[in-house]
Amino acid sequence: MFAIFEDGSHQYRVQAGDRLEIDYRESAKTGDSLSFDRILAAGDETSGKIGRPVIEGATVQVEVVDELFKGKKLEIGKFRRRKGHIRHNGHTQKYTRVRVTAIDVPGYAKSEPAPAPAAQPAATPASA
């Protein structure tokens, strides 16, 4: 199952288990759970549902993996020709990295990520 949700002025298409970077939240700590309720569209392999403007009762649950993740630094330089004036500035955007834990849409089965495969026990050599 997939869902398209809105956070701030951004829209994200996600499935259970996906990791993504959302706008930085000061209050979010690693391990916290967040919920988004502005679900614009959702569906599975056979059918879909489009909200007008949102799907009532639908939520996307995420878990904070990294509370502060910095994006790529943008270098900004301005100059005025023939004046000897140069100005240098930069910007680094902050993000919060999250993992989608569940997608709940009325009329569809709750979507959760597949469990991680169990570790195989190490084989012991047979004594001869």
C-alpha atoms as a PDB file:
ATOM      1  CA  MET A   1       0.000   0.000   0.000  1.00  0.00           C
ATOM      2  CA  PHE A   2       1.176   3.528  -0.705  1.00  0.00           C
ATOM      3  CA  ALA A   3       0.089   6.929   0.551  1.00  0.00           C
ATOM      4  CA  ILE A   4       0.730  10.512  -0.498  1.00  0.00           C
ATOM      5  CA  PHE A   5       0.750  12.856   2.477  1.00  0.00           C
ATOM      6  CA  GLU A   6       1.382  16.557   2.930  1.00  0.00           C
ATOM      7  CA  ASP A   7       3.758  18.020   5.500  1.00  0.00           C
ATOM      8  CA  GLY A   8       4.310  21.757   5.429  1.00  0.00           C
ATOM      9  CA  SER A   9       4.436  22.673   1.755  1.00  0.00           C
ATOM     10  CA  HIS A  10       5.866  19.305   0.647  1.00  0.00           C
ATOM     11  CA  GLN A  11       4.137  16.147  -0.557  1.00  0.00           C
ATOM     12  CA  TYR A  12       5.672  12.700  -0.030  1.00  0.00           C
ATOM     13  CA  ARG A  13       4.785   9.343  -1.628  1.00  0.00           C
ATOM     14  CA  VAL A  14       5.585   6.567   0.855  1.00  0.00           C
ATOM     15  CA  GLN A  15       5.145   2.870   1.560  1.00  0.00           C
ATOM     16  CA  ALA A  16       5.525   1.076   4.880  1.00  0.00           C
ATOM     17  CA  GLY A  17       9.217   0.756   5.742  1.00  0.00           C
ATOM     18  CA  ASP A  18      10.374   3.746   3.636  1.00  0.00           C
ATOM     19  CA  ARG A  19      12.893   6.222   5.051  1.00  0.00           C
ATOM     20  CA  LEU A  20      12.707   9.908   4.153  1.00  0.00           C
ATOM     21  CA  GLU A  21      13.833  13.354   5.247  1.00  0.00           C
ATOM     22  CA  ILE A  22      11.141  15.788   6.370  1.00  0.00           C
ATOM     23  CA  ASP A  23      11.499  19.389   7.529  1.00  0.00           C
ATOM     24  CA  TYR A  24      13.325  19.720  10.854  1.00  0.00           C
ATOM     25  CA  ARG A  25      11.252  19.463  14.020  1.00  0.00           C
ATOM     26  CA  GLU A  26      12.812  20.765  17.212  1.00  0.00           C
ATOM     27  CA  SER A  27      10.471  18.762  19.421  1.00  0.00           C
ATOM     28  CA  ALA A  28      11.189  15.396  17.744  1.00  0.00           C
ATOM     29  CA  LYS A  29      13.715  13.136  19.461  1.00  0.00           C
ATOM     30  CA  THR A  30      15.195   9.874  18.189  1.00  0.00           C
ATOM     31  CA  GLY A  31      12.707   7.046  18.763  1.00  0.00           C
ATOM     32  CA  ASP A  32       9.646   9.333  18.953  1.00  0.00           C
ATOM     33  CA  SER A  33       6.543   8.527  16.931  1.00  0.00           C
ATOM     34  CA  LEU A  34       4.873  11.125  14.691  1.00  0.00           C
ATOM     35  CA  SER A  35       1.523  10.952  12.920  1.00  0.00           C
ATOM     36  CA  PHE A  36       0.459  12.702   9.708  1.00  0.00           C
ATOM     37  CA  ASP A  37      -3.250  13.035   8.984  1.00  0.00           C
ATOM     38  CA  ARG A  38      -3.249  15.109   5.777  1.00  0.00           C
ATOM     39  CA  ILE A  39      -3.369  12.092   3.430  1.00  0.00           C
ATOM     40  CA  LEU A  40      -4.066  13.280  -0.120  1.00  0.00           C
ATOM     41  CA  ALA A  41      -4.226   9.872  -1.837  1.00  0.00           C
ATOM     42  CA  ALA A  42      -3.716   6.204  -1.011  1.00  0.00           C
ATOM     43  CA  GLY A  43      -3.998   2.865  -2.720  1.00  0.00           C
ATOM     44  CA  ASP A  44      -2.691  -0.605  -3.352  1.00  0.00           C
ATOM     45  CA  GLU A  45      -1.978  -2.730  -6.442  1.00  0.00           C
ATOM     46  CA  THR A  46      -5.623  -2.971  -7.483  1.00  0.00           C
ATOM     47  CA  SER A  47      -7.404   0.196  -6.347  1.00  0.00           C
ATOM     48  CA  GLY A  48      -6.871   3.692  -5.045  1.00  0.00           C
ATOM     49  CA  LYS A  49      -8.576   6.453  -3.131  1.00  0.00           C
ATOM     50  CA  ILE A  50      -8.192  10.194  -3.721  1.00  0.00           C
ATOM     51  CA  GLY A  51      -9.104  12.700  -1.025  1.00  0.00           C
ATOM     52  CA  ARG A  52     -11.110  15.836  -1.682  1.00  0.00           C
ATOM     53  CA  PRO A  53      -8.883  17.454  -0.377  1.00  0.00           C
ATOM     54  CA  VAL A  54      -7.876  14.806   2.211  1.00  0.00           C
ATOM     55  CA  ILE A  55      -8.953  11.261   3.111  1.00  0.00           C
ATOM     56  CA  GLU A  56     -10.883  11.430   6.396  1.00  0.00           C
ATOM     57  CA  GLY A  57      -9.560   9.164   9.148  1.00  0.00           C
ATOM     58  CA  ALA A  58      -6.385   8.164   7.285  1.00  0.00           C
ATOM     59  CA  THR A  59      -2.998   8.429   9.009  1.00  0.00           C
ATOM     60  CA  VAL A  60       0.660   7.731   8.310  1.00  0.00           C
ATOM     61  CA  GLN A  61       2.705   6.767  11.384  1.00  0.00           C
ATOM     62  CA  VAL A  62       6.455   7.431  11.327  1.00  0.00           C
ATOM     63  CA  GLU A  63       9.302   6.871  13.776  1.00  0.00           C
ATOM     64  CA  VAL A  64      12.139   9.394  14.121  1.00  0.00           C
ATOM     65  CA  VAL A  65      15.430   7.743  13.124  1.00  0.00           C
ATOM     66  CA  ASP A  66      17.712  10.796  13.173  1.00  0.00           C
ATOM     67  CA  GLU A  67      16.453  13.969  14.882  1.00  0.00           C
ATOM     68  CA  LEU A  68      18.886  16.339  13.125  1.00  0.00           C
ATOM     69  CA  PHE A  69      20.221  15.679   9.653  1.00  0.00           C
ATOM     70  CA  LYS A  70      21.894  18.484   7.724  1.00  0.00           C
ATOM     71  CA  GLY A  71      21.506  18.771   3.987  1.00  0.00           C
ATOM     72  CA  LYS A  72      24.040  19.884   1.425  1.00  0.00           C
ATOM     73  CA  LYS A  73      25.526  23.356   1.967  1.00  0.00           C
ATOM     74  CA  LEU A  74      24.543  25.982  -0.585  1.00  0.00           C
ATOM     75  CA  GLU A  75      27.200  28.576  -1.358  1.00  0.00           C
ATOM     76  CA  ILE A  76      25.911  32.029  -2.268  1.00  0.00           C
ATOM     77  CA  GLY A  77      28.183  34.734  -3.628  1.00  0.00           C
ATOM     78  CA  LYS A  78      27.326  38.255  -4.788  1.00  0.00           C
ATOM     79  CA  PHE A  79      29.598  40.777  -6.363  1.00  0.00           C
ATOM     80  CA  ARG A  80      29.336  44.155  -8.031  1.00  0.00           C
ATOM     81  CA  ARG A  81      31.538  44.492 -11.041  1.00  0.00           C
ATOM     82  CA  ARG A  82      34.195  47.181 -11.068  1.00  0.00           C
ATOM     83  CA  LYS A  83      33.394  48.172  -7.457  1.00  0.00           C
ATOM     84  CA  GLY A  84      35.574  45.744  -5.496  1.00  0.00           C
ATOM     85  CA  HIS A  85      32.495  44.580  -3.560  1.00  0.00           C
ATOM     86  CA  ILE A  86      32.175  40.844  -2.828  1.00  0.00           C
ATOM     87  CA  ARG A  87      29.753  39.226  -0.414  1.00  0.00           C
ATOM     88  CA  HIS A  88      29.830  35.538   0.493  1.00  0.00           C
ATOM     89  CA  ASN A  89      27.071  33.650   2.288  1.00  0.00           C
ATOM     90  CA  GLY A  90      25.899  30.061   2.720  1.00  0.00           C
ATOM     91  CA  HIS A  91      22.922  28.025   3.892  1.00  0.00           C
ATOM     92  CA  THR A  92      22.551  24.495   5.274  1.00  0.00           C
ATOM     93  CA  GLN A  93      19.007  23.128   5.520  1.00  0.00           C
ATOM     94  CA  LYS A  94      18.091  21.018   8.569  1.00  0.00           C
ATOM     95  CA  TYR A  95      15.999  17.854   8.215  1.00  0.00           C
ATOM     96  CA  THR A  96      14.565  15.148  10.453  1.00  0.00           C
ATOM     97  CA  ARG A  97      15.057  11.616   9.123  1.00  0.00           C
ATOM     98  CA  VAL A  98      12.080   9.290   9.686  1.00  0.00           C
ATOM     99  CA  ARG A  99      10.958   5.728   8.877  1.00  0.00           C
ATOM    100  CA  VAL A 100       7.340   4.934   7.958  1.00  0.00           C
ATOM    101  CA  THR A 101       5.981   2.363  10.409  1.00  0.00           C
ATOM    102  CA  ALA A 102       2.306   2.104   9.390  1.00  0.00           C
ATOM    103  CA  ILE A 103      -0.242   3.415   6.902  1.00  0.00           C
ATOM    104  CA  ASP A 104      -3.858   3.302   8.061  1.00  0.00           C
ATOM    105  CA  VAL A 105      -6.592   4.144   5.538  1.00  0.00           C
ATOM    106  CA  PRO A 106     -10.293   3.364   6.148  1.00  0.00           C
ATOM    107  CA  GLY A 107     -11.421   0.572   3.816  1.00  0.00           C
ATOM    108  CA  TYR A 108      -7.924  -0.918   3.431  1.00  0.00           C
ATOM    109  CA  ALA A 109      -5.953  -3.341   5.568  1.00  0.00           C
ATOM    110  CA  LYS A 110      -3.437  -1.584   7.831  1.00  0.00           C
ATOM    111  CA  SER A 111      -0.057  -1.600   6.100  1.00  0.00           C
ATOM    112  CA  GLU A 112       3.014  -2.321   8.226  1.00  0.00           C
ATOM    113  CA  PRO A 113       6.582  -3.058   7.108  1.00  0.00           C
ATOM    114  CA  ALA A 114       7.674  -6.668   6.688  1.00  0.00           C
ATOM    115  CA  PRO A 115       9.562  -7.970   9.725  1.00  0.00           C
ATOM    116  CA  ALA A 116      13.326  -8.212   9.419  1.00  0.00           C
ATOM    117  CA  PRO A 117      14.551 -11.721   8.602  1.00  0.00           C
ATOM    118  CA  ALA A 118      15.727 -13.683  11.633  1.00  0.00           C
ATOM    119  CA  ALA A 119      19.467 -14.198  11.949  1.00  0.00           C
ATOM    120  CA  GLN A 120      20.656 -17.630  10.823  1.00  0.00           C
ATOM    121  CA  PRO A 121      22.513 -19.553  13.550  1.00  0.00           C
ATOM    122  CA  ALA A 122      26.151 -20.102  12.702  1.00  0.00           C
ATOM    123  CA  ALA A 123      26.846 -23.630  11.503  1.00  0.00           C
ATOM    124  CA  THR A 124      29.278 -25.536  13.675  1.00  0.00           C
ATOM    125  CA  PRO A 125      31.795 -27.772  11.926  1.00  0.00           C
ATOM    126  CA  ALA A 126      31.184 -31.464  12.423  1.00  0.00           C
ATOM    127  CA  SER A 127      33.905 -33.199  14.387  1.00  0.00           C
ATOM    128  CA  ALA A 128      35.498 -36.092  12.555  1.00  0.00           C
END
